[in-house]
């Protein structure tokens, strides 16, 4: 989709893929992503990649299924 066709607020919005902890309210792992929840693997640090893989592998045991959300960090 071309950015010019998006509403102004959405075209500058930042998204995050959020893995919410199942046991600790307010605790989550978040990763920058696009609107579809795709992360840029090559742009992630080695530590972020490790955390992403850990969160992904712990869905249903430690973390809820990931959700795409607007990021509070603009």
PDB file of N, CA and C in Angstrom:
ATOM      1  N   UNK A   1       0.850  -1.182   0.000  1.00  0.00           N
ATOM      2  CA  UNK A   1       0.000   0.000   0.000  1.00  0.00           C
ATOM      3  C   UNK A   1       0.891   1.238   0.000  1.00  0.00           C
ATOM      4  N   UNK A   2       0.533   2.221  -0.738  1.00  0.00           N
ATOM      5  CA  UNK A   2       1.298   3.467  -0.840  1.00  0.00           C
ATOM      6  C   UNK A   2       0.966   4.358   0.349  1.00  0.00           C
ATOM      7  N   UNK A   3       1.998   4.919   0.968  1.00  0.00           N
ATOM      8  CA  UNK A   3       1.809   5.737   2.170  1.00  0.00           C
ATOM      9  C   UNK A   3       0.884   6.917   1.934  1.00  0.00           C
ATOM     10  N   UNK A   4       0.870   7.485   0.722  1.00  0.00           N
ATOM     11  CA  UNK A   4       0.020   8.641   0.454  1.00  0.00           C
ATOM     12  C   UNK A   4      -1.459   8.310   0.563  1.00  0.00           C
ATOM     13  N   UNK A   5      -1.825   7.035   0.427  1.00  0.00           N
ATOM     14  CA  UNK A   5      -3.228   6.667   0.489  1.00  0.00           C
ATOM     15  C   UNK A   5      -3.693   6.384   1.913  1.00  0.00           C
ATOM     16  N   UNK A   6      -2.772   6.398   2.873  1.00  0.00           N
ATOM     17  CA  UNK A   6      -3.125   6.155   4.262  1.00  0.00           C
ATOM     18  C   UNK A   6      -3.550   7.453   4.934  1.00  0.00           C
ATOM     19  N   UNK A   7      -4.440   7.351   5.934  1.00  0.00           N
ATOM     20  CA  UNK A   7      -4.748   8.546   6.725  1.00  0.00           C
ATOM     21  C   UNK A   7      -3.457   9.090   7.330  1.00  0.00           C
ATOM     22  N   UNK A   8      -3.397  10.388   7.517  1.00  0.00           N
ATOM     23  CA  UNK A   8      -2.166  11.042   7.973  1.00  0.00           C
ATOM     24  C   UNK A   8      -1.615  10.420   9.254  1.00  0.00           C
ATOM     25  N   UNK A   9      -2.464  10.164  10.247  1.00  0.00           N
ATOM     26  CA  UNK A   9      -1.991   9.608  11.515  1.00  0.00           C
ATOM     27  C   UNK A   9      -1.431   8.205  11.329  1.00  0.00           C
ATOM     28  N   UNK A  10      -2.048   7.422  10.470  1.00  0.00           N
ATOM     29  CA  UNK A  10      -1.596   6.050  10.279  1.00  0.00           C
ATOM     30  C   UNK A  10      -0.301   5.981   9.493  1.00  0.00           C
ATOM     31  N   UNK A  11      -0.076   6.943   8.599  1.00  0.00           N
ATOM     32  CA  UNK A  11       1.134   6.892   7.783  1.00  0.00           C
ATOM     33  C   UNK A  11       2.396   7.143   8.604  1.00  0.00           C
ATOM     34  N   UNK A  12       2.274   7.815   9.755  1.00  0.00           N
ATOM     35  CA  UNK A  12       3.441   8.060  10.601  1.00  0.00           C
ATOM     36  C   UNK A  12       3.441   7.180  11.844  1.00  0.00           C
ATOM     37  N   UNK A  13       2.421   6.324  11.969  1.00  0.00           N
ATOM     38  CA  UNK A  13       2.307   5.476  13.147  1.00  0.00           C
ATOM     39  C   UNK A  13       3.414   4.433  13.172  1.00  0.00           C
ATOM     40  N   UNK A  14       3.798   4.045  14.347  1.00  0.00           N
ATOM     41  CA  UNK A  14       4.775   2.991  14.567  1.00  0.00           C
ATOM     42  C   UNK A  14       4.040   1.828  15.233  1.00  0.00           C
ATOM     43  N   UNK A  15       4.390   0.642  14.848  1.00  0.00           N
ATOM     44  CA  UNK A  15       3.737  -0.538  15.391  1.00  0.00           C
ATOM     45  C   UNK A  15       4.741  -1.391  16.156  1.00  0.00           C
ATOM     46  N   UNK A  16       4.198  -2.225  17.045  1.00  0.00           N
ATOM     47  CA  UNK A  16       5.024  -3.157  17.785  1.00  0.00           C
ATOM     48  C   UNK A  16       4.308  -4.498  17.849  1.00  0.00           C
ATOM     49  N   UNK A  17       5.097  -5.549  17.854  1.00  0.00           N
ATOM     50  CA  UNK A  17       4.591  -6.890  18.065  1.00  0.00           C
ATOM     51  C   UNK A  17       4.805  -7.180  19.538  1.00  0.00           C
ATOM     52  N   UNK A  18       3.711  -7.392  20.262  1.00  0.00           N
ATOM     53  CA  UNK A  18       3.777  -7.484  21.726  1.00  0.00           C
ATOM     54  C   UNK A  18       3.444  -8.900  22.188  1.00  0.00           C
ATOM     55  N   UNK A  19       4.374  -9.484  22.939  1.00  0.00           N
ATOM     56  CA  UNK A  19       4.169 -10.774  23.586  1.00  0.00           C
ATOM     57  C   UNK A  19       3.903 -10.479  25.062  1.00  0.00           C
ATOM     58  N   UNK A  20       2.652 -10.521  25.479  1.00  0.00           N
ATOM     59  CA  UNK A  20       2.264 -10.217  26.857  1.00  0.00           C
ATOM     60  C   UNK A  20       2.531 -11.417  27.758  1.00  0.00           C
ATOM     61  N   UNK A  21       3.129 -11.165  28.925  1.00  0.00           N
ATOM     62  CA  UNK A  21       3.371 -12.228  29.897  1.00  0.00           C
ATOM     63  C   UNK A  21       2.038 -12.788  30.384  1.00  0.00           C
ATOM     64  N   UNK A  22       1.973 -14.101  30.532  1.00  0.00           N
ATOM     65  CA  UNK A  22       0.754 -14.732  31.053  1.00  0.00           C
ATOM     66  C   UNK A  22       0.673 -14.648  32.569  1.00  0.00           C
ATOM     67  N   UNK A  23       1.794 -14.352  33.220  1.00  0.00           N
ATOM     68  CA  UNK A  23       1.842 -14.413  34.675  1.00  0.00           C
ATOM     69  C   UNK A  23       2.148 -13.092  35.367  1.00  0.00           C
ATOM     70  N   UNK A  24       2.685 -12.122  34.636  1.00  0.00           N
ATOM     71  CA  UNK A  24       3.075 -10.852  35.242  1.00  0.00           C
ATOM     72  C   UNK A  24       2.371  -9.709  34.505  1.00  0.00           C
ATOM     73  N   UNK A  25       1.341  -9.167  35.121  1.00  0.00           N
ATOM     74  CA  UNK A  25       0.588  -8.072  34.531  1.00  0.00           C
ATOM     75  C   UNK A  25       1.513  -6.897  34.220  1.00  0.00           C
ATOM     76  N   UNK A  26       1.399  -6.362  33.029  1.00  0.00           N
ATOM     77  CA  UNK A  26       2.211  -5.217  32.630  1.00  0.00           C
ATOM     78  C   UNK A  26       3.571  -5.584  32.083  1.00  0.00           C
ATOM     79  N   UNK A  27       3.932  -6.843  32.136  1.00  0.00           N
ATOM     80  CA  UNK A  27       5.236  -7.275  31.633  1.00  0.00           C
ATOM     81  C   UNK A  27       5.049  -7.909  30.257  1.00  0.00           C
ATOM     82  N   UNK A  28       5.907  -7.509  29.323  1.00  0.00           N
ATOM     83  CA  UNK A  28       5.799  -8.020  27.958  1.00  0.00           C
ATOM     84  C   UNK A  28       7.128  -7.816  27.238  1.00  0.00           C
ATOM     85  N   UNK A  29       7.286  -8.528  26.146  1.00  0.00           N
ATOM     86  CA  UNK A  29       8.389  -8.281  25.225  1.00  0.00           C
ATOM     87  C   UNK A  29       7.783  -7.679  23.969  1.00  0.00           C
ATOM     88  N   UNK A  30       8.368  -6.579  23.506  1.00  0.00           N
ATOM     89  CA  UNK A  30       7.848  -5.912  22.313  1.00  0.00           C
ATOM     90  C   UNK A  30       8.962  -5.723  21.298  1.00  0.00           C
ATOM     91  N   UNK A  31       8.559  -5.759  20.026  1.00  0.00           N
ATOM     92  CA  UNK A  31       9.511  -5.645  18.926  1.00  0.00           C
ATOM     93  C   UNK A  31       8.905  -4.751  17.852  1.00  0.00           C
ATOM     94  N   UNK A  32       9.661  -3.809  17.304  1.00  0.00           N
ATOM     95  CA  UNK A  32       9.150  -2.970  16.229  1.00  0.00           C
ATOM     96  C   UNK A  32       8.724  -3.843  15.046  1.00  0.00           C
ATOM     97  N   UNK A  33       7.614  -3.473  14.416  1.00  0.00           N
ATOM     98  CA  UNK A  33       7.117  -4.237  13.280  1.00  0.00           C
ATOM     99  C   UNK A  33       6.306  -3.328  12.363  1.00  0.00           C
ATOM    100  N   UNK A  34       5.826  -3.890  11.255  1.00  0.00           N
ATOM    101  CA  UNK A  34       4.927  -3.145  10.379  1.00  0.00           C
ATOM    102  C   UNK A  34       3.481  -3.460  10.774  1.00  0.00           C
ATOM    103  N   UNK A  35       2.537  -2.922  10.028  1.00  0.00           N
ATOM    104  CA  UNK A  35       1.115  -3.117  10.347  1.00  0.00           C
ATOM    105  C   UNK A  35       0.699  -4.578  10.346  1.00  0.00           C
ATOM    106  N   UNK A  36       1.389  -5.411   9.582  1.00  0.00           N
ATOM    107  CA  UNK A  36       1.045  -6.825   9.487  1.00  0.00           C
ATOM    108  C   UNK A  36       1.766  -7.677  10.537  1.00  0.00           C
ATOM    109  N   UNK A  37       2.593  -7.049  11.353  1.00  0.00           N
ATOM    110  CA  UNK A  37       3.298  -7.777  12.400  1.00  0.00           C
ATOM    111  C   UNK A  37       4.624  -8.374  11.964  1.00  0.00           C
ATOM    112  N   UNK A  38       5.116  -7.946  10.817  1.00  0.00           N
ATOM    113  CA  UNK A  38       6.400  -8.439  10.322  1.00  0.00           C
ATOM    114  C   UNK A  38       7.537  -7.627  10.942  1.00  0.00           C
ATOM    115  N   UNK A  39       8.463  -8.316  11.581  1.00  0.00           N
ATOM    116  CA  UNK A  39       9.625  -7.642  12.160  1.00  0.00           C
ATOM    117  C   UNK A  39      10.754  -7.622  11.131  1.00  0.00           C
ATOM    118  N   UNK A  40      11.660  -6.676  11.264  1.00  0.00           N
ATOM    119  CA  UNK A  40      12.826  -6.600  10.378  1.00  0.00           C
ATOM    120  C   UNK A  40      13.983  -7.316  11.077  1.00  0.00           C
ATOM    121  N   UNK A  41      14.120  -8.594  10.786  1.00  0.00           N
ATOM    122  CA  UNK A  41      15.107  -9.443  11.440  1.00  0.00           C
ATOM    123  C   UNK A  41      16.511  -8.867  11.327  1.00  0.00           C
ATOM    124  N   UNK A  42      16.865  -8.380  10.144  1.00  0.00           N
ATOM    125  CA  UNK A  42      18.218  -7.855   9.924  1.00  0.00           C
ATOM    126  C   UNK A  42      18.501  -6.592  10.728  1.00  0.00           C
ATOM    127  N   UNK A  43      17.464  -5.867  11.117  1.00  0.00           N
ATOM    128  CA  UNK A  43      17.644  -4.633  11.873  1.00  0.00           C
ATOM    129  C   UNK A  43      17.702  -4.876  13.384  1.00  0.00           C
ATOM    130  N   UNK A  44      17.395  -6.095  13.820  1.00  0.00           N
ATOM    131  CA  UNK A  44      17.376  -6.415  15.245  1.00  0.00           C
ATOM    132  C   UNK A  44      18.782  -6.739  15.740  1.00  0.00           C
ATOM    133  N   UNK A  45      19.053  -6.382  16.978  1.00  0.00           N
ATOM    134  CA  UNK A  45      20.326  -6.757  17.601  1.00  0.00           C
ATOM    135  C   UNK A  45      20.303  -8.257  17.907  1.00  0.00           C
ATOM    136  N   UNK A  46      21.462  -8.806  18.188  1.00  0.00           N
ATOM    137  CA  UNK A  46      21.535 -10.228  18.526  1.00  0.00           C
ATOM    138  C   UNK A  46      20.692 -10.537  19.766  1.00  0.00           C
ATOM    139  N   UNK A  47      20.729  -9.632  20.747  1.00  0.00           N
ATOM    140  CA  UNK A  47      19.934  -9.820  21.963  1.00  0.00           C
ATOM    141  C   UNK A  47      18.440  -9.787  21.692  1.00  0.00           C
ATOM    142  N   UNK A  48      18.021  -8.854  20.830  1.00  0.00           N
ATOM    143  CA  UNK A  48      16.604  -8.762  20.476  1.00  0.00           C
ATOM    144  C   UNK A  48      16.155 -10.015  19.728  1.00  0.00           C
ATOM    145  N   UNK A  49      17.007 -10.516  18.857  1.00  0.00           N
ATOM    146  CA  UNK A  49      16.679 -11.761  18.135  1.00  0.00           C
ATOM    147  C   UNK A  49      16.505 -12.918  19.114  1.00  0.00           C
ATOM    148  N   UNK A  50      17.396 -13.016  20.081  1.00  0.00           N
ATOM    149  CA  UNK A  50      17.298 -14.086  21.082  1.00  0.00           C
ATOM    150  C   UNK A  50      16.005 -13.955  21.884  1.00  0.00           C
ATOM    151  N   UNK A  51      15.661 -12.735  22.290  1.00  0.00           N
ATOM    152  CA  UNK A  51      14.421 -12.507  23.031  1.00  0.00           C
ATOM    153  C   UNK A  51      13.202 -12.835  22.178  1.00  0.00           C
ATOM    154  N   UNK A  52      13.246 -12.466  20.894  1.00  0.00           N
ATOM    155  CA  UNK A  52      12.134 -12.750  19.991  1.00  0.00           C
ATOM    156  C   UNK A  52      11.926 -14.259  19.879  1.00  0.00           C
ATOM    157  N   UNK A  53      13.002 -14.993  19.659  1.00  0.00           N
ATOM    158  CA  UNK A  53      12.889 -16.445  19.525  1.00  0.00           C
ATOM    159  C   UNK A  53      12.408 -17.090  20.825  1.00  0.00           C
ATOM    160  N   UNK A  54      12.868 -16.566  21.960  1.00  0.00           N
ATOM    161  CA  UNK A  54      12.414 -17.089  23.256  1.00  0.00           C
ATOM    162  C   UNK A  54      10.930 -16.843  23.448  1.00  0.00           C
ATOM    163  N   UNK A  55      10.479 -15.617  23.141  1.00  0.00           N
ATOM    164  CA  UNK A  55       9.058 -15.287  23.276  1.00  0.00           C
ATOM    165  C   UNK A  55       8.215 -16.143  22.337  1.00  0.00           C
ATOM    166  N   UNK A  56       8.663 -16.262  21.108  1.00  0.00           N
ATOM    167  CA  UNK A  56       7.931 -17.049  20.120  1.00  0.00           C
ATOM    168  C   UNK A  56       7.817 -18.514  20.557  1.00  0.00           C
ATOM    169  N   UNK A  57       8.887 -19.049  21.109  1.00  0.00           N
ATOM    170  CA  UNK A  57       8.889 -20.436  21.556  1.00  0.00           C
ATOM    171  C   UNK A  57       8.153 -20.671  22.860  1.00  0.00           C
ATOM    172  N   UNK A  58       7.806 -19.591  23.557  1.00  0.00           N
ATOM    173  CA  UNK A  58       7.138 -19.709  24.857  1.00  0.00           C
ATOM    174  C   UNK A  58       5.671 -19.308  24.815  1.00  0.00           C
ATOM    175  N   UNK A  59       5.129 -19.100  23.618  1.00  0.00           N
ATOM    176  CA  UNK A  59       3.707 -18.750  23.486  1.00  0.00           C
ATOM    177  C   UNK A  59       2.869 -19.889  24.052  1.00  0.00           C
ATOM    178  N   UNK A  60       1.950 -19.534  24.921  1.00  0.00           N
ATOM    179  CA  UNK A  60       1.079 -20.517  25.552  1.00  0.00           C
ATOM    180  C   UNK A  60       1.607 -21.056  26.861  1.00  0.00           C
ATOM    181  N   UNK A  61       2.895 -20.864  27.121  1.00  0.00           N
ATOM    182  CA  UNK A  61       3.485 -21.317  28.382  1.00  0.00           C
ATOM    183  C   UNK A  61       3.892 -20.145  29.255  1.00  0.00           C
ATOM    184  N   UNK A  62       4.561 -19.159  28.656  1.00  0.00           N
ATOM    185  CA  UNK A  62       5.029 -17.984  29.387  1.00  0.00           C
ATOM    186  C   UNK A  62       4.433 -16.690  28.835  1.00  0.00           C
ATOM    187  N   UNK A  63       4.168 -16.683  27.518  1.00  0.00           N
ATOM    188  CA  UNK A  63       3.648 -15.486  26.857  1.00  0.00           C
ATOM    189  C   UNK A  63       2.370 -15.807  26.085  1.00  0.00           C
ATOM    190  N   UNK A  64       1.510 -14.786  25.971  1.00  0.00           N
ATOM    191  CA  UNK A  64       0.311 -14.903  25.143  1.00  0.00           C
ATOM    192  C   UNK A  64       0.709 -14.798  23.670  1.00  0.00           C
ATOM    193  N   UNK A  65      -0.180 -15.193  22.787  1.00  0.00           N
ATOM    194  CA  UNK A  65       0.076 -15.021  21.357  1.00  0.00           C
ATOM    195  C   UNK A  65       0.351 -13.553  21.083  1.00  0.00           C
ATOM    196  N   UNK A  66       1.266 -13.268  20.173  1.00  0.00           N
ATOM    197  CA  UNK A  66       1.631 -11.871  19.934  1.00  0.00           C
ATOM    198  C   UNK A  66       0.485 -11.085  19.295  1.00  0.00           C
ATOM    199  N   UNK A  67       0.470  -9.799  19.607  1.00  0.00           N
ATOM    200  CA  UNK A  67      -0.537  -8.885  19.057  1.00  0.00           C
ATOM    201  C   UNK A  67       0.174  -7.670  18.478  1.00  0.00           C
ATOM    202  N   UNK A  68      -0.306  -7.203  17.336  1.00  0.00           N
ATOM    203  CA  UNK A  68       0.220  -5.984  16.732  1.00  0.00           C
ATOM    204  C   UNK A  68      -0.499  -4.812  17.361  1.00  0.00           C
ATOM    205  N   UNK A  69       0.257  -3.848  17.851  1.00  0.00           N
ATOM    206  CA  UNK A  69      -0.323  -2.664  18.501  1.00  0.00           C
ATOM    207  C   UNK A  69       0.410  -1.427  18.039  1.00  0.00           C
ATOM    208  N   UNK A  70      -0.273  -0.296  18.148  1.00  0.00           N
ATOM    209  CA  UNK A  70       0.407   0.981  17.923  1.00  0.00           C
ATOM    210  C   UNK A  70       1.396   1.166  19.065  1.00  0.00           C
ATOM    211  N   UNK A  71       2.576   1.572  18.728  1.00  0.00           N
ATOM    212  CA  UNK A  71       3.613   1.765  19.726  1.00  0.00           C
ATOM    213  C   UNK A  71       3.428   3.100  20.438  1.00  0.00           C
ATOM    214  N   UNK A  72       3.710   3.100  21.734  1.00  0.00           N
ATOM    215  CA  UNK A  72       3.677   4.344  22.511  1.00  0.00           C
ATOM    216  C   UNK A  72       4.938   5.155  22.287  1.00  0.00           C
ATOM    217  N   UNK A  73       5.961   4.562  21.712  1.00  0.00           N
ATOM    218  CA  UNK A  73       7.249   5.221  21.502  1.00  0.00           C
ATOM    219  C   UNK A  73       7.311   5.810  20.105  1.00  0.00           C
ATOM    220  N   UNK A  74       6.846   7.019  19.948  1.00  0.00           N
ATOM    221  CA  UNK A  74       6.866   7.686  18.637  1.00  0.00           C
ATOM    222  C   UNK A  74       8.095   8.549  18.534  1.00  0.00           C
TER     223      UNK A  74
END
